[in-house]
Amino acid sequence: MSTNHTPRLHAVGRTDAEARTGDVPMEILRFVALPEDRRTLLLQVNDLLDQIDYGAVVLVMHEGKVTQIEASEKIRLSRGLPGGDDRPGSANH
C-alpha cells in the first residue's frame, strides 16, 4: 500500500454553501446581501406601500443617499356615497 493519502474518490454534489442557499430565491439572497441601512430603507418603503391605496411614495436623495421618504395619499370623498357619481357635470352633484 502507498503511504500517499491522496483520496481516489471525490464527492460530487453541492458545496456546503450551495446546500444552504440552493433552495432560496435569488431575490432573497440579494436582499440579505445588502447593507443593513439599505434593507431598513426598503422595508420602510414596503410598509408605506401596504398603507396607501392611491397616492405616491417619493424617495428624496442628496449626494447619492436617500435623505427623506415622502408619502401622499389620495382620498376620494365621493367613493361609497349613495348615487355618488363624481364626474364633472353629473346630475348627482
Protein backbone atom coordinates (compact mmCIF):
# COMPACT_ATOMS: atom_id res chain seq x y z
CA MET A 1 0.00 0.00 0.00
CA SER A 2 1.03 3.51 -0.69
CA THR A 3 1.57 5.95 2.15
CA ASN A 4 0.28 8.75 -0.06
CA HIS A 5 -3.12 9.72 1.40
CA THR A 6 -4.48 11.40 -1.71
CA PRO A 7 -8.16 10.47 -1.94
CA ARG A 8 -9.12 8.49 -5.01
CA LEU A 9 -12.81 9.26 -4.85
CA HIS A 10 -14.27 12.72 -4.83
CA ALA A 11 -17.73 13.57 -3.62
CA VAL A 12 -19.89 15.05 -6.35
CA GLY A 13 -22.61 17.43 -5.34
CA ARG A 14 -23.28 20.84 -3.94
CA THR A 15 -20.86 22.56 -1.64
CA ASP A 16 -21.98 23.41 1.89
CA ALA A 17 -22.72 26.99 0.82
CA GLU A 18 -24.75 25.79 -2.15
CA ALA A 19 -26.66 23.34 0.02
CA ARG A 20 -27.62 26.14 2.41
CA THR A 21 -28.70 28.57 -0.32
CA GLY A 22 -29.74 26.24 -3.14
CA ASP A 23 -33.48 26.48 -2.48
CA VAL A 24 -33.56 30.19 -1.58
CA PRO A 25 -34.80 32.51 -4.35
CA MET A 26 -32.15 34.84 -5.78
CA GLU A 27 -34.19 37.94 -4.80
CA ILE A 28 -33.95 36.96 -1.14
CA LEU A 29 -30.22 36.32 -1.39
CA ARG A 30 -29.73 39.73 -2.99
CA PHE A 31 -31.78 41.39 -0.22
CA VAL A 32 -29.79 39.68 2.53
CA ALA A 33 -26.50 40.74 0.90
CA LEU A 34 -27.49 44.44 1.06
CA PRO A 35 -26.09 46.65 3.82
CA GLU A 36 -28.40 46.88 6.85
CA ASP A 37 -29.31 50.53 6.23
CA ARG A 38 -30.47 49.72 2.68
CA ARG A 39 -32.56 46.77 3.90
CA THR A 40 -34.16 49.02 6.53
CA LEU A 41 -34.97 51.63 3.88
CA LEU A 42 -36.57 49.06 1.59
CA LEU A 43 -38.65 47.66 4.44
CA GLN A 44 -39.87 51.17 5.31
CA VAL A 45 -40.89 51.75 1.69
CA ASN A 46 -42.62 48.36 1.66
CA ASP A 47 -44.60 49.29 4.79
CA LEU A 48 -45.73 52.54 3.12
CA LEU A 49 -46.84 50.65 0.02
CA ASP A 50 -49.04 48.46 2.22
CA GLN A 51 -50.66 51.52 3.83
CA ILE A 52 -51.52 53.57 0.73
CA ASP A 53 -54.25 52.53 -1.72
CA TYR A 54 -53.94 55.54 -4.05
CA GLY A 55 -51.09 58.03 -3.99
CA ALA A 56 -47.32 58.27 -4.26
CA VAL A 57 -44.16 57.35 -2.42
CA VAL A 58 -41.16 59.54 -3.27
CA LEU A 59 -37.55 58.97 -2.25
CA VAL A 60 -35.61 62.22 -1.90
CA MET A 61 -31.89 61.83 -2.50
CA HIS A 62 -28.91 64.03 -1.71
CA GLU A 63 -25.40 63.15 -2.89
CA GLY A 64 -26.45 59.61 -3.77
CA LYS A 65 -28.13 58.83 -0.44
CA VAL A 66 -31.81 58.74 0.45
CA THR A 67 -32.42 61.57 2.90
CA GLN A 68 -36.21 61.59 3.03
CA ILE A 69 -39.23 59.48 2.18
CA GLU A 70 -42.40 61.36 1.21
CA ALA A 71 -45.77 59.66 1.04
CA SER A 72 -49.02 61.17 -0.15
CA GLU A 73 -52.40 59.51 -0.38
CA LYS A 74 -55.40 60.47 -2.48
CA ILE A 75 -58.73 60.16 -0.75
CA ARG A 76 -61.79 60.17 -2.98
CA LEU A 77 -64.63 61.62 -0.96
CA SER A 78 -67.41 60.54 -3.32
CA ARG A 79 -66.46 56.86 -3.09
CA GLY A 80 -69.07 54.89 -1.21
CA LEU A 81 -71.73 57.62 -1.15
CA PRO A 82 -75.19 56.56 -2.37
CA GLY A 83 -75.52 57.64 -6.00
CA GLY A 84 -72.04 59.18 -5.79
CA ASP A 85 -71.14 59.94 -9.38
CA ASP A 86 -68.09 62.18 -9.11
CA ARG A 87 -67.80 63.06 -12.81
CA PRO A 88 -67.79 66.80 -13.56
CA GLY A 89 -71.21 67.96 -14.69
CA SER A 90 -73.03 64.90 -13.40
CA ALA A 91 -76.62 65.35 -12.15
CA ASN A 92 -75.76 63.91 -8.72
CA HIS A 93 -73.67 66.90 -7.54
